[in-house]
């Protein structure tokens, strides 16, 4: 049976019944001359018809991966889950992770849904979604593209990235300088990596104080005020104590207020200013995003 003779209806039905990828379903229909039952048997014989059943199983292991465009202006980070740590180390899984990340960069997909529908790099007829289904059938475990984040650098910005050695934490960071030529300096690149590693380790929720949600601040302030008054502190000094507690809150959740993990008693903002001066320019951290395997 020729490829042209495979009807869309048969292909759709076989994919829904088997959970296998579009390429494997086409081949099975061609080999079985369009007989759905025989095509299903062929897929089962090849271990490809079990993907749908496997997709209900828990996928709590996996990898976080990052790829950056050749011009350094776009970076993509993906989290892909599987069932066992063993599978994360296999060539098939690593090929999948690399292929999805490469596709995200090549297509500059706007969100997770668009990435799933995008054609996988080097296999234009297969979507990321179907590529994953094919790998499910081959590997024998449930695999899920769980998270996707991307970052586009402004004209004068620099994108830095970091994936922890265990592949379970990834960070993207955008920085800007009034002297873009420093982006080529090894000291600058190493420093940006250090900031990414800091973000990976300390998990700040915000870049700076201006980005903290006002409603969250109001909630924290009310809690602190109640604590202070219940401790018997006079009303006239309660607000000052509350502001002191809020400063500690900022140090916990804001990147620029945190103590730099590689040095004691110096804030990230101070380290940035110091390194910028040493490099002969200004450095401004613009935004960051962080993905941890399995974390909401």
C-alpha atoms as a PDB file:
ATOM      1  CA  UNK A   1       0.000   0.000   0.000  1.00  0.00           C
ATOM      2  CA  UNK A   2       1.511   3.372  -0.956  1.00  0.00           C
ATOM      3  CA  UNK A   3       2.012   6.215   1.454  1.00  0.00           C
ATOM      4  CA  UNK A   4      -0.520   8.269  -0.504  1.00  0.00           C
ATOM      5  CA  UNK A   5      -3.175   5.597   0.008  1.00  0.00           C
ATOM      6  CA  UNK A   6      -3.084   5.852   3.814  1.00  0.00           C
ATOM      7  CA  UNK A   7      -6.259   7.734   4.696  1.00  0.00           C
ATOM      8  CA  UNK A   8      -6.211  10.473   7.290  1.00  0.00           C
ATOM      9  CA  UNK A   9      -9.127   8.816   9.048  1.00  0.00           C
ATOM     10  CA  UNK A  10      -7.325   5.466   9.392  1.00  0.00           C
ATOM     11  CA  UNK A  11      -4.149   7.181  10.526  1.00  0.00           C
ATOM     12  CA  UNK A  12      -6.000   9.201  13.140  1.00  0.00           C
ATOM     13  CA  UNK A  13      -7.877   6.164  14.463  1.00  0.00           C
ATOM     14  CA  UNK A  14      -4.743   4.033  14.693  1.00  0.00           C
ATOM     15  CA  UNK A  15      -2.850   6.779  16.508  1.00  0.00           C
ATOM     16  CA  UNK A  16      -5.695   7.201  19.018  1.00  0.00           C
ATOM     17  CA  UNK A  17      -5.971   3.457  19.645  1.00  0.00           C
ATOM     18  CA  UNK A  18      -2.256   2.735  19.836  1.00  0.00           C
ATOM     19  CA  UNK A  19      -0.735   5.920  21.215  1.00  0.00           C
ATOM     20  CA  UNK A  20       2.129   5.388  18.764  1.00  0.00           C
ATOM     21  CA  UNK A  21       3.767   8.124  16.696  1.00  0.00           C
ATOM     22  CA  UNK A  22       2.548   9.215  13.291  1.00  0.00           C
ATOM     23  CA  UNK A  23       5.511   7.756  11.376  1.00  0.00           C
ATOM     24  CA  UNK A  24       5.142   4.303  12.937  1.00  0.00           C
ATOM     25  CA  UNK A  25       1.375   4.335  12.349  1.00  0.00           C
ATOM     26  CA  UNK A  26       1.894   5.185   8.656  1.00  0.00           C
ATOM     27  CA  UNK A  27       4.383   2.348   8.248  1.00  0.00           C
ATOM     28  CA  UNK A  28       2.088  -0.123   9.998  1.00  0.00           C
ATOM     29  CA  UNK A  29      -0.872   0.826   7.791  1.00  0.00           C
ATOM     30  CA  UNK A  30       1.251   0.508   4.670  1.00  0.00           C
ATOM     31  CA  UNK A  31       2.550  -2.920   5.702  1.00  0.00           C
ATOM     32  CA  UNK A  32      -0.953  -4.131   6.563  1.00  0.00           C
ATOM     33  CA  UNK A  33      -2.580  -2.692   3.402  1.00  0.00           C
ATOM     34  CA  UNK A  34      -4.767  -0.414   5.478  1.00  0.00           C
ATOM     35  CA  UNK A  35      -6.127  -3.114   7.829  1.00  0.00           C
ATOM     36  CA  UNK A  36      -6.435  -1.381  11.207  1.00  0.00           C
ATOM     37  CA  UNK A  37      -6.467  -4.593  13.212  1.00  0.00           C
ATOM     38  CA  UNK A  38      -3.328  -5.944  11.533  1.00  0.00           C
ATOM     39  CA  UNK A  39      -1.649  -2.535  11.812  1.00  0.00           C
ATOM     40  CA  UNK A  40      -2.389  -2.537  15.534  1.00  0.00           C
ATOM     41  CA  UNK A  41      -0.854  -6.012  15.840  1.00  0.00           C
ATOM     42  CA  UNK A  42       2.261  -4.853  13.998  1.00  0.00           C
ATOM     43  CA  UNK A  43       2.670  -1.930  16.383  1.00  0.00           C
ATOM     44  CA  UNK A  44       2.189  -4.209  19.378  1.00  0.00           C
ATOM     45  CA  UNK A  45       4.785  -6.611  18.022  1.00  0.00           C
ATOM     46  CA  UNK A  46       7.246  -3.730  17.782  1.00  0.00           C
ATOM     47  CA  UNK A  47       6.380  -2.527  21.262  1.00  0.00           C
ATOM     48  CA  UNK A  48       4.977   0.735  19.923  1.00  0.00           C
ATOM     49  CA  UNK A  49       1.313   0.347  20.814  1.00  0.00           C
ATOM     50  CA  UNK A  50       1.819   0.571  24.545  1.00  0.00           C
ATOM     51  CA  UNK A  51       2.671   4.255  24.701  1.00  0.00           C
ATOM     52  CA  UNK A  52      -0.880   5.290  25.557  1.00  0.00           C
ATOM     53  CA  UNK A  53      -1.014   2.937  28.559  1.00  0.00           C
ATOM     54  CA  UNK A  54       2.438   3.986  29.703  1.00  0.00           C
ATOM     55  CA  UNK A  55       1.477   7.643  29.539  1.00  0.00           C
ATOM     56  CA  UNK A  56      -0.565   7.212  32.705  1.00  0.00           C
ATOM     57  CA  UNK A  57       2.394   6.133  34.801  1.00  0.00           C
ATOM     58  CA  UNK A  58       4.285   8.436  37.090  1.00  0.00           C
ATOM     59  CA  UNK A  59       7.251  10.271  35.562  1.00  0.00           C
ATOM     60  CA  UNK A  60       9.272  11.737  38.415  1.00  0.00           C
ATOM     61  CA  UNK A  61      12.822  11.451  37.061  1.00  0.00           C
ATOM     62  CA  UNK A  62      14.287  13.158  34.019  1.00  0.00           C
ATOM     63  CA  UNK A  63      16.484  16.041  32.948  1.00  0.00           C
ATOM     64  CA  UNK A  64      16.555  19.805  32.597  1.00  0.00           C
ATOM     65  CA  UNK A  65      18.404  20.997  29.498  1.00  0.00           C
ATOM     66  CA  UNK A  66      19.300  24.382  28.010  1.00  0.00           C
ATOM     67  CA  UNK A  67      20.324  25.387  24.500  1.00  0.00           C
ATOM     68  CA  UNK A  68      21.218  28.849  23.210  1.00  0.00           C
ATOM     69  CA  UNK A  69      21.001  30.185  19.658  1.00  0.00           C
ATOM     70  CA  UNK A  70      24.199  30.760  17.687  1.00  0.00           C
ATOM     71  CA  UNK A  71      23.884  34.537  18.083  1.00  0.00           C
ATOM     72  CA  UNK A  72      23.437  34.191  21.840  1.00  0.00           C
ATOM     73  CA  UNK A  73      20.176  36.146  21.791  1.00  0.00           C
ATOM     74  CA  UNK A  74      17.710  33.340  22.475  1.00  0.00           C
ATOM     75  CA  UNK A  75      17.864  30.520  24.994  1.00  0.00           C
ATOM     76  CA  UNK A  76      15.464  27.664  25.655  1.00  0.00           C
ATOM     77  CA  UNK A  77      15.153  25.508  28.761  1.00  0.00           C
ATOM     78  CA  UNK A  78      13.117  22.303  28.888  1.00  0.00           C
ATOM     79  CA  UNK A  79      12.228  19.825  31.602  1.00  0.00           C
ATOM     80  CA  UNK A  80      11.540  16.319  30.323  1.00  0.00           C
ATOM     81  CA  UNK A  81      10.461  13.632  32.763  1.00  0.00           C
ATOM     82  CA  UNK A  82      10.686   9.847  32.684  1.00  0.00           C
ATOM     83  CA  UNK A  83      10.082   7.112  35.254  1.00  0.00           C
ATOM     84  CA  UNK A  84      13.576   6.008  36.283  1.00  0.00           C
ATOM     85  CA  UNK A  85      16.960   7.626  36.719  1.00  0.00           C
ATOM     86  CA  UNK A  86      18.491   4.822  34.649  1.00  0.00           C
ATOM     87  CA  UNK A  87      16.615   5.952  31.531  1.00  0.00           C
ATOM     88  CA  UNK A  88      17.884   9.540  31.871  1.00  0.00           C
ATOM     89  CA  UNK A  89      21.371   8.234  31.131  1.00  0.00           C
ATOM     90  CA  UNK A  90      20.435   6.338  27.956  1.00  0.00           C
ATOM     91  CA  UNK A  91      21.328   7.606  24.480  1.00  0.00           C
ATOM     92  CA  UNK A  92      17.667   7.504  23.412  1.00  0.00           C
ATOM     93  CA  UNK A  93      16.545   9.772  26.228  1.00  0.00           C
ATOM     94  CA  UNK A  94      19.454  12.148  25.790  1.00  0.00           C
ATOM     95  CA  UNK A  95      18.715  12.309  22.044  1.00  0.00           C
ATOM     96  CA  UNK A  96      15.126  13.205  22.908  1.00  0.00           C
ATOM     97  CA  UNK A  97      16.108  15.941  25.363  1.00  0.00           C
ATOM     98  CA  UNK A  98      18.638  17.426  22.952  1.00  0.00           C
ATOM     99  CA  UNK A  99      16.211  17.255  20.042  1.00  0.00           C
ATOM    100  CA  UNK A 100      13.431  19.023  21.917  1.00  0.00           C
ATOM    101  CA  UNK A 101      15.756  21.757  23.198  1.00  0.00           C
ATOM    102  CA  UNK A 102      17.190  22.247  19.698  1.00  0.00           C
ATOM    103  CA  UNK A 103      13.695  22.471  18.260  1.00  0.00           C
ATOM    104  CA  UNK A 104      12.746  25.105  20.827  1.00  0.00           C
ATOM    105  CA  UNK A 105      15.706  27.231  19.744  1.00  0.00           C
ATOM    106  CA  UNK A 106      15.196  26.641  16.025  1.00  0.00           C
ATOM    107  CA  UNK A 107      11.494  27.545  16.130  1.00  0.00           C
ATOM    108  CA  UNK A 108      11.694  30.039  19.012  1.00  0.00           C
ATOM    109  CA  UNK A 109       8.464  28.497  20.260  1.00  0.00           C
ATOM    110  CA  UNK A 110       6.362  30.940  22.264  1.00  0.00           C
ATOM    111  CA  UNK A 111       5.059  28.440  24.811  1.00  0.00           C
ATOM    112  CA  UNK A 112       4.850  24.770  25.766  1.00  0.00           C
ATOM    113  CA  UNK A 113       1.856  24.036  23.554  1.00  0.00           C
ATOM    114  CA  UNK A 114       3.516  25.515  20.475  1.00  0.00           C
ATOM    115  CA  UNK A 115       6.711  23.597  21.203  1.00  0.00           C
ATOM    116  CA  UNK A 116       4.791  20.317  21.404  1.00  0.00           C
ATOM    117  CA  UNK A 117       3.270  20.971  17.980  1.00  0.00           C
ATOM    118  CA  UNK A 118       6.532  22.121  16.385  1.00  0.00           C
ATOM    119  CA  UNK A 119       8.329  19.845  13.932  1.00  0.00           C
ATOM    120  CA  UNK A 120      11.310  18.209  15.590  1.00  0.00           C
ATOM    121  CA  UNK A 121      14.684  19.308  14.224  1.00  0.00           C
ATOM    122  CA  UNK A 122      16.035  16.935  11.532  1.00  0.00           C
ATOM    123  CA  UNK A 123      12.659  15.197  11.193  1.00  0.00           C
ATOM    124  CA  UNK A 124      10.327  17.788   9.703  1.00  0.00           C
ATOM    125  CA  UNK A 125       7.332  15.485   9.375  1.00  0.00           C
ATOM    126  CA  UNK A 126       7.306  14.556  13.062  1.00  0.00           C
ATOM    127  CA  UNK A 127       6.085  16.882  15.801  1.00  0.00           C
ATOM    128  CA  UNK A 128       7.755  17.056  19.200  1.00  0.00           C
ATOM    129  CA  UNK A 129       4.621  15.467  20.623  1.00  0.00           C
ATOM    130  CA  UNK A 130       4.839  12.485  18.273  1.00  0.00           C
ATOM    131  CA  UNK A 131       8.594  12.203  18.684  1.00  0.00           C
ATOM    132  CA  UNK A 132       8.041  11.771  22.418  1.00  0.00           C
ATOM    133  CA  UNK A 133       5.405   9.098  21.791  1.00  0.00           C
ATOM    134  CA  UNK A 134       7.839   7.206  19.581  1.00  0.00           C
ATOM    135  CA  UNK A 135      10.448   7.331  22.337  1.00  0.00           C
ATOM    136  CA  UNK A 136       7.878   6.093  24.854  1.00  0.00           C
ATOM    137  CA  UNK A 137       7.311   3.039  22.676  1.00  0.00           C
ATOM    138  CA  UNK A 138      11.023   2.437  22.206  1.00  0.00           C
ATOM    139  CA  UNK A 139      12.218   3.135  25.755  1.00  0.00           C
ATOM    140  CA  UNK A 140       9.264   1.543  27.514  1.00  0.00           C
ATOM    141  CA  UNK A 141       8.631   4.307  30.044  1.00  0.00           C
ATOM    142  CA  UNK A 142       6.273   7.223  30.281  1.00  0.00           C
ATOM    143  CA  UNK A 143       7.964  10.434  29.097  1.00  0.00           C
ATOM    144  CA  UNK A 144       6.540  13.920  29.609  1.00  0.00           C
ATOM    145  CA  UNK A 145       7.633  17.312  28.314  1.00  0.00           C
ATOM    146  CA  UNK A 146       6.666  19.032  31.548  1.00  0.00           C
ATOM    147  CA  UNK A 147       8.073  22.548  31.400  1.00  0.00           C
ATOM    148  CA  UNK A 148       9.428  24.974  28.866  1.00  0.00           C
ATOM    149  CA  UNK A 149      10.934  28.412  29.418  1.00  0.00           C
ATOM    150  CA  UNK A 150      12.643  30.720  26.989  1.00  0.00           C
ATOM    151  CA  UNK A 151      14.452  34.031  27.132  1.00  0.00           C
ATOM    152  CA  UNK A 152      15.141  36.565  24.403  1.00  0.00           C
ATOM    153  CA  UNK A 153      17.916  39.047  25.001  1.00  0.00           C
ATOM    154  CA  UNK A 154      17.475  42.743  24.327  1.00  0.00           C
ATOM    155  CA  UNK A 155      19.811  44.291  21.756  1.00  0.00           C
ATOM    156  CA  UNK A 156      22.475  45.182  24.338  1.00  0.00           C
ATOM    157  CA  UNK A 157      21.932  42.209  26.654  1.00  0.00           C
ATOM    158  CA  UNK A 158      23.784  39.006  27.427  1.00  0.00           C
ATOM    159  CA  UNK A 159      22.197  35.632  28.174  1.00  0.00           C
ATOM    160  CA  UNK A 160      23.842  33.318  30.682  1.00  0.00           C
ATOM    161  CA  UNK A 161      22.762  29.816  31.597  1.00  0.00           C
ATOM    162  CA  UNK A 162      23.582  27.017  33.990  1.00  0.00           C
ATOM    163  CA  UNK A 163      22.488  23.408  34.418  1.00  0.00           C
ATOM    164  CA  UNK A 164      23.511  21.696  37.623  1.00  0.00           C
ATOM    165  CA  UNK A 165      25.721  18.643  37.194  1.00  0.00           C
ATOM    166  CA  UNK A 166      22.880  16.265  38.092  1.00  0.00           C
ATOM    167  CA  UNK A 167      20.700  17.743  35.341  1.00  0.00           C
ATOM    168  CA  UNK A 168      17.903  18.540  37.786  1.00  0.00           C
ATOM    169  CA  UNK A 169      18.178  22.343  38.059  1.00  0.00           C
ATOM    170  CA  UNK A 170      18.499  24.885  35.262  1.00  0.00           C
ATOM    171  CA  UNK A 171      18.797  28.678  35.250  1.00  0.00           C
ATOM    172  CA  UNK A 172      18.561  31.358  32.560  1.00  0.00           C
ATOM    173  CA  UNK A 173      19.767  34.890  33.295  1.00  0.00           C
ATOM    174  CA  UNK A 174      19.736  38.135  31.305  1.00  0.00           C
ATOM    175  CA  UNK A 175      22.235  40.880  32.118  1.00  0.00           C
ATOM    176  CA  UNK A 176      22.980  44.206  30.469  1.00  0.00           C
ATOM    177  CA  UNK A 177      26.035  46.447  30.372  1.00  0.00           C
ATOM    178  CA  UNK A 178      26.798  49.885  29.003  1.00  0.00           C
ATOM    179  CA  UNK A 179      29.984  48.325  27.641  1.00  0.00           C
ATOM    180  CA  UNK A 180      28.827  45.249  25.657  1.00  0.00           C
ATOM    181  CA  UNK A 181      32.427  44.485  24.742  1.00  0.00           C
ATOM    182  CA  UNK A 182      32.905  43.023  28.228  1.00  0.00           C
ATOM    183  CA  UNK A 183      30.606  40.148  27.219  1.00  0.00           C
ATOM    184  CA  UNK A 184      33.580  38.583  25.483  1.00  0.00           C
ATOM    185  CA  UNK A 185      35.736  38.661  28.596  1.00  0.00           C
ATOM    186  CA  UNK A 186      36.234  35.374  30.404  1.00  0.00           C
ATOM    187  CA  UNK A 187      35.949  37.100  33.794  1.00  0.00           C
ATOM    188  CA  UNK A 188      32.506  38.421  32.896  1.00  0.00           C
ATOM    189  CA  UNK A 189      31.296  35.071  31.589  1.00  0.00           C
ATOM    190  CA  UNK A 190      32.553  33.272  34.686  1.00  0.00           C
ATOM    191  CA  UNK A 191      30.866  35.824  36.921  1.00  0.00           C
ATOM    192  CA  UNK A 192      27.547  35.394  35.119  1.00  0.00           C
ATOM    193  CA  UNK A 193      27.848  31.645  35.606  1.00  0.00           C
ATOM    194  CA  UNK A 194      28.482  32.242  39.309  1.00  0.00           C
ATOM    195  CA  UNK A 195      25.288  34.287  39.552  1.00  0.00           C
ATOM    196  CA  UNK A 196      23.376  31.507  37.776  1.00  0.00           C
ATOM    197  CA  UNK A 197      24.803  28.977  40.233  1.00  0.00           C
ATOM    198  CA  UNK A 198      23.749  31.243  43.097  1.00  0.00           C
ATOM    199  CA  UNK A 199      20.194  31.357  41.719  1.00  0.00           C
ATOM    200  CA  UNK A 200      20.175  27.570  41.362  1.00  0.00           C
ATOM    201  CA  UNK A 201      21.241  27.147  44.986  1.00  0.00           C
ATOM    202  CA  UNK A 202      19.176  29.828  46.750  1.00  0.00           C
ATOM    203  CA  UNK A 203      15.959  29.878  44.687  1.00  0.00           C
ATOM    204  CA  UNK A 204      15.116  33.603  44.877  1.00  0.00           C
ATOM    205  CA  UNK A 205      11.519  34.395  43.993  1.00  0.00           C
ATOM    206  CA  UNK A 206      12.176  37.905  42.683  1.00  0.00           C
ATOM    207  CA  UNK A 207      14.983  39.917  41.124  1.00  0.00           C
ATOM    208  CA  UNK A 208      14.605  42.914  43.425  1.00  0.00           C
ATOM    209  CA  UNK A 209      12.237  44.558  45.898  1.00  0.00           C
ATOM    210  CA  UNK A 210      10.225  46.385  43.244  1.00  0.00           C
ATOM    211  CA  UNK A 211       9.043  43.060  41.848  1.00  0.00           C
ATOM    212  CA  UNK A 212       7.555  41.684  45.057  1.00  0.00           C
ATOM    213  CA  UNK A 213       3.789  41.364  44.826  1.00  0.00           C
ATOM    214  CA  UNK A 214       2.195  44.134  46.950  1.00  0.00           C
ATOM    215  CA  UNK A 215      -0.427  41.740  48.297  1.00  0.00           C
ATOM    216  CA  UNK A 216       2.341  39.414  49.480  1.00  0.00           C
ATOM    217  CA  UNK A 217       4.035  42.325  51.230  1.00  0.00           C
ATOM    218  CA  UNK A 218       0.780  43.337  52.914  1.00  0.00           C
ATOM    219  CA  UNK A 219       0.319  39.777  54.122  1.00  0.00           C
ATOM    220  CA  UNK A 220       3.867  39.578  55.524  1.00  0.00           C
ATOM    221  CA  UNK A 221       3.539  43.008  57.139  1.00  0.00           C
ATOM    222  CA  UNK A 222       0.269  42.007  58.861  1.00  0.00           C
ATOM    223  CA  UNK A 223       1.813  38.775  60.169  1.00  0.00           C
ATOM    224  CA  UNK A 224       4.871  40.583  61.516  1.00  0.00           C
ATOM    225  CA  UNK A 225       2.733  43.295  63.117  1.00  0.00           C
ATOM    226  CA  UNK A 226       0.662  40.716  64.944  1.00  0.00           C
ATOM    227  CA  UNK A 227       3.808  38.895  66.112  1.00  0.00           C
ATOM    228  CA  UNK A 228       5.360  42.108  67.442  1.00  0.00           C
ATOM    229  CA  UNK A 229       2.242  43.209  69.313  1.00  0.00           C
ATOM    230  CA  UNK A 230       1.762  39.758  70.850  1.00  0.00           C
ATOM    231  CA  UNK A 231       5.340  39.951  72.086  1.00  0.00           C
ATOM    232  CA  UNK A 232       4.257  42.980  74.087  1.00  0.00           C
ATOM    233  CA  UNK A 233       6.201  45.570  72.117  1.00  0.00           C
ATOM    234  CA  UNK A 234       4.830  49.145  72.357  1.00  0.00           C
ATOM    235  CA  UNK A 235       2.666  50.278  69.455  1.00  0.00           C
ATOM    236  CA  UNK A 236       4.909  53.272  68.768  1.00  0.00           C
ATOM    237  CA  UNK A 237       7.922  51.098  67.890  1.00  0.00           C
ATOM    238  CA  UNK A 238       6.039  48.160  66.392  1.00  0.00           C
ATOM    239  CA  UNK A 239       6.174  49.557  62.858  1.00  0.00           C
ATOM    240  CA  UNK A 240       9.964  49.997  63.000  1.00  0.00           C
ATOM    241  CA  UNK A 241      10.373  46.398  64.116  1.00  0.00           C
ATOM    242  CA  UNK A 242       8.054  45.266  61.323  1.00  0.00           C
ATOM    243  CA  UNK A 243      10.168  47.104  58.745  1.00  0.00           C
ATOM    244  CA  UNK A 244      13.248  45.341  60.092  1.00  0.00           C
ATOM    245  CA  UNK A 245      11.522  41.991  59.643  1.00  0.00           C
ATOM    246  CA  UNK A 246      10.524  42.977  56.110  1.00  0.00           C
ATOM    247  CA  UNK A 247      14.176  43.649  55.300  1.00  0.00           C
ATOM    248  CA  UNK A 248      14.957  40.084  56.352  1.00  0.00           C
ATOM    249  CA  UNK A 249      12.078  38.901  54.156  1.00  0.00           C
ATOM    250  CA  UNK A 250      13.602  40.740  51.172  1.00  0.00           C
ATOM    251  CA  UNK A 251      16.954  39.079  51.867  1.00  0.00           C
ATOM    252  CA  UNK A 252      15.256  35.703  51.620  1.00  0.00           C
ATOM    253  CA  UNK A 253      13.266  36.225  48.430  1.00  0.00           C
ATOM    254  CA  UNK A 254      15.044  38.912  46.362  1.00  0.00           C
ATOM    255  CA  UNK A 255      18.162  37.992  44.388  1.00  0.00           C
ATOM    256  CA  UNK A 256      19.892  41.363  44.737  1.00  0.00           C
ATOM    257  CA  UNK A 257      19.296  41.415  48.511  1.00  0.00           C
ATOM    258  CA  UNK A 258      20.631  37.914  49.132  1.00  0.00           C
ATOM    259  CA  UNK A 259      24.085  37.221  50.510  1.00  0.00           C
ATOM    260  CA  UNK A 260      26.271  35.987  47.673  1.00  0.00           C
ATOM    261  CA  UNK A 261      26.696  32.265  48.116  1.00  0.00           C
ATOM    262  CA  UNK A 262      30.426  32.306  47.329  1.00  0.00           C
ATOM    263  CA  UNK A 263      31.177  35.052  49.872  1.00  0.00           C
ATOM    264  CA  UNK A 264      29.885  35.805  53.346  1.00  0.00           C
ATOM    265  CA  UNK A 265      28.273  39.071  54.384  1.00  0.00           C
ATOM    266  CA  UNK A 266      28.185  40.686  50.952  1.00  0.00           C
ATOM    267  CA  UNK A 267      25.012  41.036  48.920  1.00  0.00           C
ATOM    268  CA  UNK A 268      24.593  40.037  45.306  1.00  0.00           C
ATOM    269  CA  UNK A 269      23.961  43.680  44.393  1.00  0.00           C
ATOM    270  CA  UNK A 270      27.309  44.658  45.930  1.00  0.00           C
ATOM    271  CA  UNK A 271      29.145  41.869  44.136  1.00  0.00           C
ATOM    272  CA  UNK A 272      27.598  42.937  40.822  1.00  0.00           C
ATOM    273  CA  UNK A 273      28.752  46.534  41.367  1.00  0.00           C
ATOM    274  CA  UNK A 274      32.229  45.396  42.351  1.00  0.00           C
ATOM    275  CA  UNK A 275      32.667  43.127  39.331  1.00  0.00           C
ATOM    276  CA  UNK A 276      31.284  45.786  36.997  1.00  0.00           C
ATOM    277  CA  UNK A 277      33.838  48.284  38.249  1.00  0.00           C
ATOM    278  CA  UNK A 278      36.646  45.759  37.795  1.00  0.00           C
ATOM    279  CA  UNK A 279      35.499  45.120  34.227  1.00  0.00           C
ATOM    280  CA  UNK A 280      35.270  48.820  33.422  1.00  0.00           C
ATOM    281  CA  UNK A 281      31.521  49.200  32.940  1.00  0.00           C
ATOM    282  CA  UNK A 282      28.105  48.862  34.519  1.00  0.00           C
ATOM    283  CA  UNK A 283      26.221  45.580  34.899  1.00  0.00           C
ATOM    284  CA  UNK A 284      22.477  45.356  35.462  1.00  0.00           C
ATOM    285  CA  UNK A 285      20.734  42.035  36.072  1.00  0.00           C
ATOM    286  CA  UNK A 286      17.484  42.171  34.095  1.00  0.00           C
ATOM    287  CA  UNK A 287      15.627  38.895  34.654  1.00  0.00           C
ATOM    288  CA  UNK A 288      16.068  35.226  35.476  1.00  0.00           C
ATOM    289  CA  UNK A 289      14.102  32.007  35.388  1.00  0.00           C
ATOM    290  CA  UNK A 290      14.739  28.744  37.223  1.00  0.00           C
ATOM    291  CA  UNK A 291      13.423  25.228  36.679  1.00  0.00           C
ATOM    292  CA  UNK A 292      13.812  22.409  39.173  1.00  0.00           C
ATOM    293  CA  UNK A 293      12.952  18.870  38.106  1.00  0.00           C
ATOM    294  CA  UNK A 294       9.534  17.895  39.449  1.00  0.00           C
ATOM    295  CA  UNK A 295       8.894  21.217  41.182  1.00  0.00           C
ATOM    296  CA  UNK A 296       5.766  23.264  40.537  1.00  0.00           C
END
